[in-house]
Every structure is written in C-alpha cells, then in structure tokens.
N, C-alpha and C. Protein backbone atom coordinates (compact mmCIF):
# COMPACT_ATOMS: atom_id res chain seq x y z
N MET A 1 106.47 17.79 -79.14
CA MET A 1 106.07 17.17 -77.93
C MET A 1 105.86 15.59 -78.30
N SER A 2 106.84 14.87 -77.72
CA SER A 2 106.51 13.51 -78.01
C SER A 2 105.99 12.66 -76.91
N GLU A 3 105.13 13.37 -76.05
CA GLU A 3 104.50 12.70 -74.99
C GLU A 3 103.36 11.82 -75.54
N GLU A 4 103.09 10.58 -75.07
CA GLU A 4 102.04 9.69 -75.41
C GLU A 4 100.80 10.34 -74.88
N PRO A 5 99.59 10.18 -75.55
CA PRO A 5 98.41 10.80 -75.06
C PRO A 5 97.92 9.99 -73.80
N LEU A 6 97.26 10.64 -72.91
CA LEU A 6 96.69 10.13 -71.69
C LEU A 6 95.61 9.06 -72.16
N ASN A 7 95.64 8.07 -71.38
CA ASN A 7 94.63 6.98 -71.55
C ASN A 7 93.68 7.22 -70.32
N ARG A 8 92.75 8.18 -70.41
CA ARG A 8 92.04 8.32 -69.41
C ARG A 8 91.08 7.28 -68.95
N LYS A 9 90.67 6.35 -70.07
CA LYS A 9 89.85 5.32 -69.59
C LYS A 9 90.57 4.33 -68.62
N ASP A 10 91.82 4.04 -68.90
CA ASP A 10 92.54 3.11 -68.01
C ASP A 10 92.63 3.83 -66.59
N ASP A 11 92.82 5.05 -66.58
CA ASP A 11 93.00 5.82 -65.25
C ASP A 11 91.66 5.75 -64.60
N LEU A 12 90.60 5.89 -65.25
CA LEU A 12 89.22 5.97 -64.55
C LEU A 12 88.98 4.55 -64.13
N GLU A 13 89.42 3.42 -64.92
CA GLU A 13 89.07 2.07 -64.43
C GLU A 13 89.77 1.71 -63.11
N GLN A 14 91.21 2.25 -63.06
CA GLN A 14 91.96 1.96 -61.99
C GLN A 14 91.44 2.80 -60.79
N ASP A 15 90.92 3.99 -60.88
CA ASP A 15 90.22 4.73 -59.81
C ASP A 15 89.03 4.03 -59.38
N VAL A 16 88.29 3.49 -60.21
CA VAL A 16 87.09 2.68 -59.87
C VAL A 16 87.44 1.57 -59.01
N ARG A 17 88.46 0.79 -59.46
CA ARG A 17 88.90 -0.43 -58.66
C ARG A 17 89.41 -0.01 -57.42
N ASP A 18 90.23 0.95 -57.35
CA ASP A 18 90.83 1.47 -55.94
C ASP A 18 89.70 1.72 -54.98
N THR A 19 88.65 2.60 -55.68
CA THR A 19 87.46 2.96 -54.76
C THR A 19 86.82 1.83 -54.24
N ALA A 20 86.49 0.81 -55.05
CA ALA A 20 85.81 -0.36 -54.71
C ALA A 20 86.55 -1.11 -53.63
N ASP A 21 87.89 -1.27 -53.69
CA ASP A 21 88.70 -2.01 -52.78
C ASP A 21 88.64 -1.05 -51.29
N ASP A 22 88.85 0.15 -51.42
CA ASP A 22 88.64 1.06 -50.24
C ASP A 22 87.24 0.80 -49.54
N THR A 23 86.32 0.80 -50.40
CA THR A 23 85.00 0.62 -49.81
C THR A 23 84.73 -0.79 -49.11
N GLU A 24 85.15 -1.83 -49.81
CA GLU A 24 85.19 -3.19 -49.40
C GLU A 24 85.82 -3.14 -48.02
N ASN A 25 87.09 -2.70 -47.91
CA ASN A 25 87.78 -2.64 -46.66
C ASN A 25 87.15 -1.95 -45.51
N SER A 26 86.45 -0.63 -45.92
CA SER A 26 85.82 0.01 -44.89
C SER A 26 84.53 -0.80 -44.35
N LEU A 27 83.92 -1.38 -45.26
CA LEU A 27 82.61 -2.23 -44.93
C LEU A 27 83.10 -3.33 -44.06
N ASP A 28 84.15 -4.01 -44.43
CA ASP A 28 84.56 -5.19 -43.47
C ASP A 28 84.96 -4.66 -42.09
N GLU A 29 85.72 -3.52 -42.03
CA GLU A 29 85.97 -3.02 -40.61
C GLU A 29 84.86 -2.59 -39.84
N ALA A 30 83.74 -1.94 -40.65
CA ALA A 30 82.52 -1.51 -39.93
C ALA A 30 81.80 -2.84 -39.37
N GLY A 31 81.76 -3.82 -40.20
CA GLY A 31 81.13 -5.06 -39.73
C GLY A 31 81.88 -5.67 -38.65
N ASP A 32 83.09 -5.74 -38.53
CA ASP A 32 83.94 -6.19 -37.38
C ASP A 32 83.61 -5.27 -36.19
N LYS A 33 83.41 -4.09 -36.17
CA LYS A 33 83.24 -3.14 -35.23
C LYS A 33 81.77 -3.43 -34.68
N ILE A 34 80.80 -3.70 -35.53
CA ILE A 34 79.39 -3.88 -35.06
C ILE A 34 79.45 -5.28 -34.35
N LYS A 35 80.04 -6.17 -34.92
CA LYS A 35 79.93 -7.64 -34.19
C LYS A 35 80.73 -7.54 -32.91
N ALA A 36 81.87 -6.82 -32.78
CA ALA A 36 82.63 -6.66 -31.46
C ALA A 36 81.60 -6.01 -30.51
N GLY A 37 80.87 -4.90 -30.87
CA GLY A 37 80.04 -4.11 -30.00
C GLY A 37 78.82 -4.99 -29.53
N ALA A 38 78.33 -5.75 -30.50
CA ALA A 38 77.22 -6.62 -30.18
C ALA A 38 77.65 -7.70 -29.12
N LYS A 39 78.67 -8.29 -29.26
CA LYS A 39 79.26 -9.31 -28.39
C LYS A 39 79.67 -8.61 -27.04
N ALA A 40 80.27 -7.46 -27.02
CA ALA A 40 80.52 -6.79 -25.83
C ALA A 40 79.17 -6.51 -24.95
N VAL A 41 78.23 -6.05 -25.59
CA VAL A 41 76.95 -5.85 -24.95
C VAL A 41 76.39 -7.16 -24.52
N ALA A 42 76.49 -8.13 -25.19
CA ALA A 42 76.00 -9.55 -24.63
C ALA A 42 76.80 -9.96 -23.32
N ASN A 43 78.18 -9.79 -23.41
CA ASN A 43 78.92 -9.94 -22.27
C ASN A 43 78.62 -9.20 -21.16
N LYS A 44 78.33 -7.91 -21.32
CA LYS A 44 77.97 -7.00 -20.22
C LYS A 44 76.55 -7.47 -19.68
N ILE A 45 75.64 -7.96 -20.45
CA ILE A 45 74.48 -8.38 -20.00
C ILE A 45 74.67 -9.54 -19.10
N LYS A 46 75.55 -10.67 -19.61
CA LYS A 46 75.63 -11.85 -18.70
C LYS A 46 76.50 -11.43 -17.41
N ASP A 47 77.21 -10.51 -17.42
CA ASP A 47 78.02 -10.05 -16.23
C ASP A 47 78.03 -8.61 -16.17
N PRO A 48 77.25 -7.96 -15.44
CA PRO A 48 77.04 -6.46 -15.34
C PRO A 48 78.36 -5.75 -14.82
N ASP A 49 79.29 -6.54 -14.00
CA ASP A 49 80.34 -5.88 -13.59
C ASP A 49 81.47 -5.82 -14.52
N LYS A 50 81.34 -6.37 -15.61
CA LYS A 50 82.41 -6.19 -16.75
C LYS A 50 82.49 -4.82 -17.41
N ASP A 51 83.62 -4.35 -17.66
CA ASP A 51 83.82 -3.21 -18.32
C ASP A 51 83.56 -3.30 -19.80
N MET A 52 82.62 -2.24 -20.29
CA MET A 52 82.23 -2.46 -21.58
C MET A 52 83.24 -2.16 -22.64
N GLY A 53 84.15 -1.24 -22.29
CA GLY A 53 85.27 -0.77 -23.11
C GLY A 53 86.27 -2.01 -23.43
N THR A 54 86.64 -2.69 -22.11
CA THR A 54 87.51 -3.83 -22.23
C THR A 54 86.92 -4.93 -23.01
N GLU A 55 85.61 -5.18 -22.72
CA GLU A 55 84.85 -6.33 -23.62
C GLU A 55 84.92 -6.02 -25.01
N TYR A 56 84.70 -4.66 -25.44
CA TYR A 56 84.56 -4.38 -26.73
C TYR A 56 86.06 -4.61 -27.35
N ASP A 57 87.03 -4.11 -26.70
CA ASP A 57 88.48 -4.29 -27.13
C ASP A 57 88.70 -5.63 -27.40
N LYS A 58 88.52 -6.54 -26.60
CA LYS A 58 88.75 -7.93 -26.59
C LYS A 58 87.97 -8.64 -27.74
N GLU A 59 86.81 -8.19 -28.05
CA GLU A 59 85.91 -8.78 -29.00
C GLU A 59 86.41 -8.27 -30.53
N LYS A 60 86.79 -7.03 -30.52
CA LYS A 60 87.41 -6.38 -31.66
C LYS A 60 88.69 -7.01 -32.18
N ILE A 61 89.60 -7.52 -31.23
CA ILE A 61 90.69 -8.13 -31.52
C ILE A 61 90.35 -9.46 -32.13
N LYS A 62 89.43 -10.19 -31.46
CA LYS A 62 89.05 -11.52 -31.92
C LYS A 62 88.47 -11.45 -33.56
N GLU A 63 87.52 -10.36 -33.71
CA GLU A 63 86.96 -10.11 -35.11
C GLU A 63 88.24 -9.76 -36.04
N GLU A 64 89.02 -9.12 -35.75
CA GLU A 64 90.20 -8.75 -36.52
C GLU A 64 91.10 -9.98 -36.91
N ALA A 65 91.28 -10.76 -35.86
CA ALA A 65 92.04 -12.10 -36.03
C ALA A 65 91.37 -12.92 -37.11
N LYS A 66 90.03 -12.91 -37.11
CA LYS A 66 89.35 -13.82 -38.06
C LYS A 66 89.62 -13.38 -39.51
N ASP A 67 89.89 -12.14 -39.68
CA ASP A 67 90.31 -11.69 -41.13
C ASP A 67 91.56 -12.07 -41.65
N ILE A 68 92.51 -12.51 -40.77
CA ILE A 68 93.84 -12.69 -41.11
C ILE A 68 94.04 -14.16 -41.65
C-alpha cells in the first residue's frame, strides 16, 4: 500500500476554520434579522396601520443589502 498517511492535524484545522466561518455567517444573519425586527416594530409603533410582516421584509432586505 503506497498511500500517504492521513494528516489529521490539517484536516482538523480545516474543519475548525470551516466551523468558524459557518458560525460567523450564522451570527451575521441573526444580527440582521434582529435589526430588521426591531426596525419593523419601530415602524409599526409610528404607524399602527402598517403590516408587521411587510415592514420586517423591507427592513430585512435593507440589512442584507448592507452586507453586500
């Protein structure tokens, strides 16, 4: 068998980097959702006739656009 030995340390380091990237992305998404929700509530308080879901969707799009 002429296979090279597995380099588990490199594999582990890559897994840690991948997990850190996934966690960072998840936290960014959660932060955007929280900001959008807070802004939607503020808009609803200012104008009670506004639809909360629509306001949330608008604010979420704005938050996502900031990340680009």
